[in-house]
Amino acid sequence: MNRDEYQPIKNEQGSTMMMTLIILLIFTLSGLMVMDMAILEELAVSNEQRTLQVYQTAYSELDAQMVYLRSNPTVMAAAVDGNQTLTPIIASATCTNPGDICQTITLRYTGQASPPTGYSITSFIGLNFELDSVATLNGAAATSNQTLGFVYVTPKAGP
């Protein structure tokens, strides 16, 4: 055997270091991409939480307003003459701080209807209403608009 076979080639000196640096660069770029994706996913989850929060507020407001309207039917009588803006029960109507949920509630009369099953057509009349609840998160683009339609049954006016 020849002794020259086991001697390193002079042109290959430092190639291991260059390959190591290239692999290190690939790992660094991959790590940066993973961090960027994690930040984007965190933002998406945060936006989804805000949207869900305003949706739940708007929907809960509808439930609370229905309880209020059942105990205060004069509000519905006033709404027959025109839309009524109601005072929010769940959230504030005015937002002063970022992160506050602003709420607007409108009761709208949409017309007369036959009373539901179980009521006499000759003695009762149905009044159709819509209850609109709009919740907005102050300082964010999260908004939820929920509408609940219902029939209020009232005795017909006497002859």
Protein backbone atom coordinates (compact mmCIF):
# COMPACT_ATOMS: atom_id res chain seq x y z
CA MET A 1 0.00 0.00 0.00
CA ASN A 2 0.95 3.45 -0.68
CA ARG A 3 1.37 5.91 2.20
CA ASP A 4 -0.32 8.70 0.22
CA GLU A 5 -3.68 6.92 0.37
CA TYR A 6 -4.20 7.77 4.06
CA GLN A 7 -3.25 11.43 3.96
CA PRO A 8 -6.16 13.96 3.87
CA ILE A 9 -6.70 15.87 0.69
CA LYS A 10 -5.70 19.48 1.14
CA ASN A 11 -8.85 20.81 -0.63
CA GLU A 12 -11.21 19.22 1.93
CA GLN A 13 -9.85 21.04 4.98
CA GLY A 14 -12.70 22.89 6.80
CA SER A 15 -15.53 21.17 4.89
CA THR A 16 -16.86 19.59 8.12
CA MET A 17 -17.08 23.01 9.73
CA MET A 18 -18.90 24.43 6.68
CA MET A 19 -21.43 21.58 6.70
CA THR A 20 -21.99 22.08 10.43
CA LEU A 21 -22.63 25.80 9.92
CA ILE A 22 -25.11 25.09 7.11
CA ILE A 23 -27.00 22.57 9.26
CA LEU A 24 -26.99 25.03 12.17
CA LEU A 25 -28.40 27.74 9.86
CA ILE A 26 -31.20 25.39 8.71
CA PHE A 27 -32.11 24.55 12.33
CA THR A 28 -32.10 28.25 13.27
CA LEU A 29 -34.41 29.18 10.39
CA SER A 30 -36.73 26.27 11.22
CA GLY A 31 -36.89 27.39 14.85
CA LEU A 32 -37.74 30.94 13.83
CA MET A 33 -40.54 29.70 11.56
CA VAL A 34 -42.00 27.58 14.37
CA MET A 35 -41.91 30.56 16.75
CA ASP A 36 -43.64 32.74 14.15
CA MET A 37 -46.37 30.12 13.65
CA ALA A 38 -46.88 29.86 17.42
CA ILE A 39 -47.33 33.63 17.71
CA LEU A 40 -49.87 33.64 14.86
CA GLU A 41 -51.81 30.79 16.47
CA GLU A 42 -51.82 32.63 19.80
CA LEU A 43 -53.31 35.68 18.09
CA ALA A 44 -55.96 33.55 16.38
CA VAL A 45 -56.96 31.93 19.69
CA SER A 46 -57.07 35.33 21.38
CA ASN A 47 -59.37 36.70 18.65
CA GLU A 48 -61.60 33.63 18.95
CA GLN A 49 -61.86 34.12 22.72
CA ARG A 50 -62.86 37.77 22.26
CA THR A 51 -65.46 36.85 19.65
CA LEU A 52 -66.89 34.15 21.90
CA GLN A 53 -66.95 36.55 24.86
CA VAL A 54 -69.02 39.17 23.01
CA TYR A 55 -71.30 36.47 21.57
CA GLN A 56 -72.02 35.10 25.04
CA THR A 57 -72.63 38.61 26.37
CA ALA A 58 -75.07 39.45 23.57
CA TYR A 59 -76.91 36.15 23.95
CA SER A 60 -77.06 36.40 27.76
CA GLU A 61 -78.45 39.90 27.39
CA LEU A 62 -81.36 38.52 25.35
CA ASP A 63 -82.19 36.08 28.15
CA ALA A 64 -81.96 38.80 30.81
CA GLN A 65 -84.12 41.19 28.78
CA MET A 66 -86.81 38.52 28.29
CA VAL A 67 -87.02 38.09 32.07
CA TYR A 68 -87.27 41.88 32.41
CA LEU A 69 -89.98 42.17 29.72
CA ARG A 70 -92.10 39.43 31.30
CA SER A 71 -92.22 41.40 34.53
CA ASN A 72 -92.66 44.78 32.77
CA PRO A 73 -95.19 44.36 29.93
CA THR A 74 -95.74 48.13 29.70
CA VAL A 75 -92.40 48.35 27.90
CA MET A 76 -93.82 46.23 25.08
CA ALA A 77 -96.93 48.43 24.91
CA ALA A 78 -94.66 51.45 24.45
CA ALA A 79 -92.68 49.63 21.74
CA VAL A 80 -95.84 49.26 19.62
CA ASP A 81 -95.63 53.03 19.02
CA GLY A 82 -91.94 52.89 18.04
CA ASN A 83 -88.62 51.17 18.72
CA GLN A 84 -87.56 51.17 22.35
CA THR A 85 -83.92 51.31 23.37
CA LEU A 86 -83.58 49.32 26.56
CA THR A 87 -81.01 49.65 29.33
CA PRO A 88 -78.45 46.83 29.20
CA ILE A 89 -78.52 44.42 32.13
CA ILE A 90 -75.39 42.32 31.51
CA ALA A 91 -72.91 44.88 30.17
CA SER A 92 -72.61 48.65 30.13
CA ALA A 93 -74.07 50.81 27.38
CA THR A 94 -70.97 53.01 27.36
CA CYS A 95 -67.39 51.86 27.10
CA THR A 96 -64.63 53.91 28.64
CA ASN A 97 -61.85 51.37 29.07
CA PRO A 98 -60.25 49.12 26.46
CA GLY A 99 -61.58 45.62 26.91
CA ASP A 100 -65.01 46.78 28.12
CA ILE A 101 -68.01 45.31 26.36
CA CYS A 102 -70.43 47.91 24.98
CA GLN A 103 -74.04 46.83 24.72
CA THR A 104 -77.10 48.18 22.89
CA ILE A 105 -80.55 46.62 23.18
CA THR A 106 -83.50 47.52 20.95
CA LEU A 107 -87.07 46.27 21.21
CA ARG A 108 -88.86 46.50 17.86
CA TYR A 109 -92.55 45.85 17.14
CA THR A 110 -92.99 44.00 13.84
CA GLY A 111 -96.77 43.58 13.62
CA GLN A 112 -99.80 41.64 14.73
CA ALA A 113 -100.30 37.90 14.47
CA SER A 114 -102.72 35.25 15.56
CA PRO A 115 -102.21 34.16 19.15
CA PRO A 116 -100.33 30.89 19.67
CA THR A 117 -102.11 27.59 20.17
CA GLY A 118 -104.07 27.48 23.40
CA TYR A 119 -105.38 31.07 23.21
CA SER A 120 -108.79 32.04 21.92
CA ILE A 121 -108.65 33.89 18.61
CA THR A 122 -111.70 35.92 19.57
CA SER A 123 -110.31 37.05 22.93
CA PHE A 124 -106.54 37.44 22.38
CA ILE A 125 -104.16 38.92 19.84
CA GLY A 126 -100.48 38.23 19.28
CA LEU A 127 -97.97 41.05 18.96
CA ASN A 128 -94.70 40.18 17.20
CA PHE A 129 -91.52 41.71 18.59
CA GLU A 130 -87.82 41.47 17.88
CA LEU A 131 -85.25 42.01 20.56
CA ASP A 132 -81.85 43.01 19.11
CA SER A 133 -78.71 42.74 21.23
CA VAL A 134 -75.43 44.14 19.88
CA ALA A 135 -72.27 43.63 21.93
CA THR A 136 -68.93 45.17 20.94
CA LEU A 137 -65.57 44.79 22.62
CA ASN A 138 -64.01 48.23 23.06
CA GLY A 139 -60.61 48.45 21.41
CA ALA A 140 -61.10 45.31 19.30
CA ALA A 141 -63.00 44.34 16.20
CA ALA A 142 -65.11 41.73 18.00
CA THR A 143 -68.86 42.36 17.58
CA SER A 144 -71.89 40.12 17.99
CA ASN A 145 -75.42 40.96 16.85
CA GLN A 146 -78.10 38.61 18.20
CA THR A 147 -81.84 38.86 17.50
CA LEU A 148 -84.67 37.08 19.29
CA GLY A 149 -88.19 37.10 17.90
CA PHE A 150 -91.16 36.46 20.15
CA VAL A 151 -94.96 36.82 20.31
CA TYR A 152 -96.53 38.69 23.19
CA VAL A 153 -100.15 37.64 23.78
CA THR A 154 -102.52 40.31 25.06
CA PRO A 155 -106.30 40.50 25.42
CA LYS A 156 -108.12 42.21 22.58
CA ALA A 157 -109.49 45.65 23.33
CA GLY A 158 -113.17 45.66 24.30
CA PRO A 159 -115.94 46.68 21.84
